[in-house]
Protein backbone atom coordinates (compact mmCIF):
# COMPACT_ATOMS: atom_id res chain seq x y z
CA MET A 1 5.84 -1.61 -8.55
CA HIS A 2 5.38 -4.18 -5.79
CA ILE A 3 4.30 -3.16 -2.27
CA LYS A 4 4.53 -5.27 0.87
CA THR A 5 2.70 -4.11 4.01
CA GLU A 6 4.16 -4.69 7.46
CA LEU A 7 2.25 -3.89 10.66
CA TYR A 8 3.76 -2.62 13.90
CA PRO A 9 1.94 -1.57 17.09
CA GLU A 10 2.34 2.14 16.32
CA ALA A 11 2.93 2.15 12.55
CA VAL A 12 2.24 0.66 9.16
CA VAL A 13 5.25 0.23 6.89
CA LEU A 14 4.77 0.02 3.12
CA HIS A 15 7.84 -1.49 1.46
CA LEU A 16 7.97 -0.19 -2.14
CA GLU A 17 10.01 -2.04 -4.77
CA GLY A 18 10.60 -1.15 -8.42
CA ARG A 19 9.48 1.98 -10.24
CA PHE A 20 7.11 4.51 -8.67
CA ASP A 21 5.63 6.30 -11.66
CA PHE A 22 2.32 7.01 -13.35
CA HIS A 23 1.79 3.32 -14.09
CA ALA A 24 2.20 2.36 -10.41
CA MET A 25 -0.13 5.01 -9.01
CA ASP A 26 -3.17 2.72 -8.64
CA THR A 27 -1.04 0.13 -6.82
CA PHE A 28 0.28 2.78 -4.42
CA LEU A 29 -3.13 4.33 -3.77
CA ALA A 30 -4.69 0.91 -3.05
CA ALA A 31 -1.93 0.00 -0.56
CA LEU A 32 -2.15 3.42 1.10
CA SER A 33 -5.92 3.16 1.36
CA GLN A 34 -5.63 -0.25 3.05
CA ALA A 35 -3.03 1.14 5.50
CA GLU A 36 -5.34 4.00 6.41
CA LYS A 37 -8.26 1.63 7.05
CA LEU A 38 -6.41 -0.13 9.85
CA PRO A 39 -7.64 0.84 13.33
CA HIS A 40 -6.13 4.21 14.19
CA PRO A 41 -2.83 4.14 12.30
CA ARG A 42 -0.61 6.75 13.96
CA HIS A 43 2.27 6.54 11.52
CA ILE A 44 2.67 5.41 7.91
CA ILE A 45 6.24 4.80 6.76
CA LEU A 46 7.22 4.27 3.14
CA ASP A 47 10.33 2.13 2.87
CA LEU A 48 12.00 3.28 -0.35
CA HIS A 49 15.29 1.39 -0.18
CA LYS A 50 14.26 -0.99 -3.01
CA LEU A 51 12.70 1.74 -5.14
CA THR A 52 14.70 2.25 -8.35
CA PHE A 53 12.84 5.18 -9.94
CA ILE A 54 10.40 7.91 -9.00
CA ASP A 55 8.75 10.44 -11.31
CA SER A 56 7.23 13.86 -10.73
CA MET A 57 3.69 12.52 -10.51
CA ALA A 58 4.71 10.14 -7.70
CA ILE A 59 6.52 12.93 -5.88
CA GLY A 60 3.43 15.10 -6.14
CA ARG A 61 1.34 12.26 -4.73
CA LEU A 62 3.73 11.93 -1.76
CA VAL A 63 3.37 15.64 -0.96
CA GLY A 64 -0.41 15.47 -1.25
CA THR A 65 -0.48 12.38 0.95
CA GLN A 66 1.63 14.17 3.57
CA HIS A 67 -0.80 17.08 3.77
CA ARG A 68 -3.86 14.85 3.99
CA LEU A 69 -2.40 12.52 6.64
CA GLN A 70 -1.07 15.42 8.70
CA ARG A 71 -4.57 16.90 8.75
CA ASP A 72 -5.75 13.54 10.19
CA SER A 73 -2.88 13.56 12.78
CA ILE A 74 -1.10 10.64 11.10
CA ARG A 75 2.68 10.92 10.78
CA PHE A 76 4.00 10.17 7.26
CA THR A 77 7.67 9.33 6.81
CA LEU A 78 9.91 8.31 3.91
CA ALA A 79 12.70 5.91 4.83
CA GLY A 80 15.80 4.45 3.22
CA GLN A 81 15.85 6.13 -0.18
CA THR A 82 19.04 5.40 -2.14
CA GLY A 83 20.56 5.90 -5.57
CA TYR A 84 18.49 7.71 -8.18
CA VAL A 85 15.50 8.10 -5.85
CA ASP A 86 17.63 9.73 -3.15
CA THR A 87 19.23 12.06 -5.69
CA ALA A 88 15.88 13.05 -7.18
CA LEU A 89 14.33 13.77 -3.77
CA ARG A 90 17.37 15.73 -2.56
CA GLU A 91 17.50 17.87 -5.73
CA ILE A 92 13.98 19.14 -5.09
CA LYS A 93 14.64 19.43 -1.34
CA LEU A 94 11.73 17.15 -0.50
CA GLU A 95 13.07 16.75 3.06
CA THR A 96 11.88 20.32 3.70
CA MET A 97 8.28 19.19 3.05
CA LEU A 98 8.30 15.56 4.22
CA SER A 99 9.83 13.69 7.10
CA THR A 100 12.72 11.58 5.79
CA VAL A 101 14.90 9.15 7.72
CA ARG A 102 17.71 6.74 6.84
CA SER A 103 15.91 3.55 7.86
CA VAL A 104 12.55 2.09 8.83
CA GLU A 105 13.91 1.54 12.34
CA GLU A 106 14.68 5.25 12.65
CA GLY A 107 11.17 6.04 11.45
CA LEU A 108 9.61 3.65 13.97
CA ALA A 109 11.44 5.52 16.76
CA LEU A 110 9.75 8.84 15.88
CA PRO A 111 7.03 10.02 18.29
CA PRO A 112 3.42 10.26 17.12
CA LEU A 113 2.20 13.63 15.90
CA LYS A 114 0.60 15.85 18.50
CA GLY A 115 -3.14 15.33 18.46
CA SER A 116 -3.01 11.69 17.37
CA THR A 117 -4.75 9.20 19.60
């Protein structure tokens, strides 16, 4: 998996491309860690529109990340999932646990979580 980081005044966007599976976990965790080290990130958005595959381990990591970031008052949003990834996430009703939007632009328009500074 390849990850490109894009910075905005109120958010960090991680653009994921390829397969998000066990083999890509270290790449994801390193990019996420870098995003969290930025001064006071209020929102981390994962752009999934170029992601072609996601496995159960990656989905579990997304849920764990959501809980941890929420505890730190950082909004976490998935954006632009299509094809197999969209189907897989819908089948397990991930949108009931995580914020999902159709595009990065829609995610950028979301307000910060209450309690974030």
